[in-house]
C-alpha atoms as a PDB file:
ATOM      1  CA  MET A   1     -33.897  28.852 -17.740  1.00  0.00           C
ATOM      2  CA  GLN A   2     -33.782  31.078 -14.693  1.00  0.00           C
ATOM      3  CA  VAL A   3     -33.214  34.813 -14.703  1.00  0.00           C
ATOM      4  CA  LEU A   4     -31.540  37.393 -12.492  1.00  0.00           C
ATOM      5  CA  CYS A   5     -32.886  40.867 -13.226  1.00  0.00           C
ATOM      6  CA  ASP A   6     -30.611  43.806 -12.557  1.00  0.00           C
ATOM      7  CA  VAL A   7     -31.497  46.958 -10.650  1.00  0.00           C
ATOM      8  CA  HIS A   8     -32.932  48.781 -13.687  1.00  0.00           C
ATOM      9  CA  THR A   9     -35.381  45.999 -14.506  1.00  0.00           C
ATOM     10  CA  SER A  10     -38.983  46.387 -13.394  1.00  0.00           C
ATOM     11  CA  TYR A  11     -40.442  43.947 -10.874  1.00  0.00           C
ATOM     12  CA  LYS A  12     -43.285  43.483 -13.388  1.00  0.00           C
ATOM     13  CA  ILE A  13     -40.774  41.803 -15.679  1.00  0.00           C
ATOM     14  CA  VAL A  14     -39.739  39.497 -12.823  1.00  0.00           C
ATOM     15  CA  ARG A  15     -43.419  38.584 -12.357  1.00  0.00           C
ATOM     16  CA  PHE A  16     -43.805  38.031 -16.122  1.00  0.00           C
ATOM     17  CA  PHE A  17     -41.028  35.436 -16.057  1.00  0.00           C
ATOM     18  CA  GLU A  18     -42.462  33.783 -12.930  1.00  0.00           C
ATOM     19  CA  GLN A  19     -45.940  33.614 -14.482  1.00  0.00           C
ATOM     20  CA  ASN A  20     -44.371  31.768 -17.399  1.00  0.00           C
ATOM     21  CA  GLY A  21     -42.782  29.118 -15.201  1.00  0.00           C
ATOM     22  CA  ILE A  22     -39.316  30.662 -15.118  1.00  0.00           C
ATOM     23  CA  LYS A  23     -37.503  31.136 -11.819  1.00  0.00           C
ATOM     24  CA  ALA A  24     -36.807  34.854 -11.549  1.00  0.00           C
ATOM     25  CA  VAL A  25     -35.096  36.991  -8.931  1.00  0.00           C
ATOM     26  CA  HIS A  26     -34.407  40.697  -8.741  1.00  0.00           C
ATOM     27  CA  ILE A  27     -31.004  41.885  -7.564  1.00  0.00           C
ATOM     28  CA  ASN A  28     -32.725  44.054  -4.947  1.00  0.00           C
ATOM     29  CA  ASN A  29     -33.797  40.842  -3.173  1.00  0.00           C
ATOM     30  CA  ILE A  30     -30.398  39.109  -3.001  1.00  0.00           C
ATOM     31  CA  LEU A  31     -26.734  39.788  -2.308  1.00  0.00           C
ATOM     32  CA  GLN A  32     -26.199  43.449  -1.379  1.00  0.00           C
ATOM     33  CA  SER A  33     -29.330  44.645  -3.172  1.00  0.00           C
ATOM     34  CA  TRP A  34     -28.781  47.629  -5.447  1.00  0.00           C
ATOM     35  CA  HIS A  35     -25.315  48.090  -3.922  1.00  0.00           C
ATOM     36  CA  THR A  36     -24.076  44.839  -5.501  1.00  0.00           C
ATOM     37  CA  ALA A  37     -21.147  45.349  -7.869  1.00  0.00           C
ATOM     38  CA  ASP A  38     -21.573  44.150 -11.448  1.00  0.00           C
ATOM     39  CA  LYS A  39     -18.717  41.655 -11.046  1.00  0.00           C
ATOM     40  CA  ASP A  40     -20.482  40.128  -8.036  1.00  0.00           C
ATOM     41  CA  ILE A  41     -23.728  39.867 -10.002  1.00  0.00           C
ATOM     42  CA  CYS A  42     -21.837  38.100 -12.788  1.00  0.00           C
ATOM     43  CA  THR A  43     -20.168  35.673 -10.376  1.00  0.00           C
ATOM     44  CA  TYR A  44     -23.458  34.861  -8.662  1.00  0.00           C
ATOM     45  CA  ALA A  45     -25.240  34.380 -11.993  1.00  0.00           C
ATOM     46  CA  ASP A  46     -22.501  32.129 -13.371  1.00  0.00           C
ATOM     47  CA  HIS A  47     -22.305  29.975 -10.224  1.00  0.00           C
ATOM     48  CA  ASN A  48     -26.077  29.566 -10.071  1.00  0.00           C
ATOM     49  CA  ASP A  49     -26.799  29.262 -13.817  1.00  0.00           C
ATOM     50  CA  TYR A  50     -28.826  32.477 -14.123  1.00  0.00           C
ATOM     51  CA  VAL A  51     -29.384  34.553 -17.229  1.00  0.00           C
ATOM     52  CA  VAL A  52     -28.654  38.188 -16.342  1.00  0.00           C
ATOM     53  CA  VAL A  53     -31.434  40.416 -17.700  1.00  0.00           C
ATOM     54  CA  THR A  54     -30.328  44.000 -18.168  1.00  0.00           C
ATOM     55  CA  LYS A  55     -30.386  47.215 -20.178  1.00  0.00           C
ATOM     56  CA  ASP A  56     -26.828  47.953 -19.018  1.00  0.00           C
ATOM     57  CA  THR A  57     -24.060  47.950 -21.633  1.00  0.00           C
ATOM     58  CA  ASP A  58     -21.454  47.237 -18.925  1.00  0.00           C
ATOM     59  CA  PHE A  59     -22.723  43.659 -18.706  1.00  0.00           C
ATOM     60  CA  GLN A  60     -22.563  43.383 -22.499  1.00  0.00           C
ATOM     61  CA  ALA A  61     -18.899  44.436 -22.532  1.00  0.00           C
ATOM     62  CA  SER A  62     -18.102  42.047 -19.688  1.00  0.00           C
ATOM     63  CA  HIS A  63     -19.805  39.149 -21.464  1.00  0.00           C
ATOM     64  CA  PHE A  64     -17.801  39.591 -24.659  1.00  0.00           C
ATOM     65  CA  LEU A  65     -14.467  40.588 -23.107  1.00  0.00           C
ATOM     66  CA  LYS A  66     -14.404  38.462 -19.939  1.00  0.00           C
ATOM     67  CA  LYS A  67     -17.024  35.778 -20.733  1.00  0.00           C
ATOM     68  CA  THR A  68     -19.003  36.729 -17.634  1.00  0.00           C
ATOM     69  CA  PRO A  69     -21.884  36.668 -17.148  1.00  0.00           C
ATOM     70  CA  GLN A  70     -21.981  33.523 -19.230  1.00  0.00           C
ATOM     71  CA  LYS A  71     -25.657  34.055 -20.056  1.00  0.00           C
ATOM     72  CA  LEU A  72     -26.913  37.547 -20.831  1.00  0.00           C
ATOM     73  CA  LEU A  73     -30.178  38.954 -22.115  1.00  0.00           C
ATOM     74  CA  LYS A  74     -29.584  42.576 -23.135  1.00  0.00           C
ATOM     75  CA  MET A  75     -32.801  44.542 -23.568  1.00  0.00           C
ATOM     76  CA  ALA A  76     -32.113  47.263 -26.139  1.00  0.00           C
ATOM     77  CA  LEU A  77     -35.639  48.629 -26.023  1.00  0.00           C
ATOM     78  CA  GLY A  78     -35.081  52.270 -25.200  1.00  0.00           C
ATOM     79  CA  ASN A  79     -37.791  54.004 -23.239  1.00  0.00           C
ATOM     80  CA  LEU A  80     -40.641  51.573 -23.907  1.00  0.00           C
ATOM     81  CA  SER A  81     -43.343  51.038 -21.346  1.00  0.00           C
ATOM     82  CA  THR A  82     -42.971  47.987 -19.161  1.00  0.00           C
ATOM     83  CA  GLN A  83     -46.102  46.489 -20.721  1.00  0.00           C
ATOM     84  CA  LYS A  84     -44.685  46.857 -24.255  1.00  0.00           C
ATOM     85  CA  THR A  85     -41.384  45.363 -23.055  1.00  0.00           C
ATOM     86  CA  ILE A  86     -43.277  42.390 -21.631  1.00  0.00           C
ATOM     87  CA  SER A  87     -45.156  41.960 -24.926  1.00  0.00           C
ATOM     88  CA  ILE A  88     -41.868  41.824 -26.829  1.00  0.00           C
ATOM     89  CA  LEU A  89     -40.366  39.366 -24.340  1.00  0.00           C
ATOM     90  CA  ALA A  90     -43.482  37.191 -24.574  1.00  0.00           C
ATOM     91  CA  ALA A  91     -43.263  37.078 -28.357  1.00  0.00           C
ATOM     92  CA  HIS A  92     -39.692  35.764 -28.165  1.00  0.00           C
ATOM     93  CA  LEU A  93     -39.865  33.685 -24.991  1.00  0.00           C
ATOM     94  CA  PRO A  94     -39.744  30.215 -26.622  1.00  0.00           C
ATOM     95  CA  LEU A  95     -36.679  31.213 -28.657  1.00  0.00           C
ATOM     96  CA  LEU A  96     -34.984  32.670 -25.572  1.00  0.00           C
ATOM     97  CA  GLN A  97     -35.711  29.538 -23.540  1.00  0.00           C
ATOM     98  CA  SER A  98     -34.159  27.295 -26.173  1.00  0.00           C
ATOM     99  CA  ALA A  99     -31.120  29.580 -26.619  1.00  0.00           C
ATOM    100  CA  PHE A 100     -30.301  29.794 -22.928  1.00  0.00           C
ATOM    101  CA  VAL A 101     -30.017  26.027 -22.547  1.00  0.00           C
ATOM    102  CA  LYS A 102     -26.439  26.543 -23.726  1.00  0.00           C
ATOM    103  CA  LYS A 103     -23.689  27.225 -21.177  1.00  0.00           C
ATOM    104  CA  ILE A 104     -22.668  30.507 -22.824  1.00  0.00           C
ATOM    105  CA  CYS A 105     -25.177  32.621 -24.692  1.00  0.00           C
ATOM    106  CA  TYR A 106     -25.842  36.281 -25.477  1.00  0.00           C
ATOM    107  CA  ALA A 107     -29.211  37.523 -26.655  1.00  0.00           C
ATOM    108  CA  GLU A 108     -30.112  41.084 -27.499  1.00  0.00           C
ATOM    109  CA  ILE A 109     -33.708  42.018 -27.972  1.00  0.00           C
ATOM    110  CA  GLY A 110     -34.884  45.223 -29.631  1.00  0.00           C
ATOM    111  CA  GLN A 111     -38.250  46.510 -30.751  1.00  0.00           C
ATOM    112  CA  ASN A 112     -37.942  44.855 -34.163  1.00  0.00           C
ATOM    113  CA  TYR A 113     -35.206  42.274 -33.743  1.00  0.00           C
ATOM    114  CA  ILE A 114     -33.599  39.601 -31.653  1.00  0.00           C
ATOM    115  CA  HIS A 115     -29.965  38.548 -32.029  1.00  0.00           C
ATOM    116  CA  ILE A 116     -28.600  35.416 -30.404  1.00  0.00           C
ATOM    117  CA  ILE A 117     -24.897  34.656 -30.222  1.00  0.00           C
ATOM    118  CA  ASP A 118     -23.690  31.437 -28.636  1.00  0.00           C
END
């Protein structure tokens, strides 16, 4: 599993993934940084086998309607602190890692739930 975090994702979350042995990049460090169009993020993620990590519902719609990005982790956590978000991700990390082995997978994580659709 490797992740591509979108512009609204904290760098602390990138570091969390890295500290857990997961290759992680932030969109601000590749392509056209925060100027990168969503479709270009999707294309890059699909060609390089990244899971897009986002809070953005535009990626969710694209995943279900256009099948891109092929792998999407939608964080539906509202206005939680980054530390609480990391705690929730940590609690579900083994499940996420096993789910995203598949070529196409959607996971949505909330404060009290995780849904995986493959």
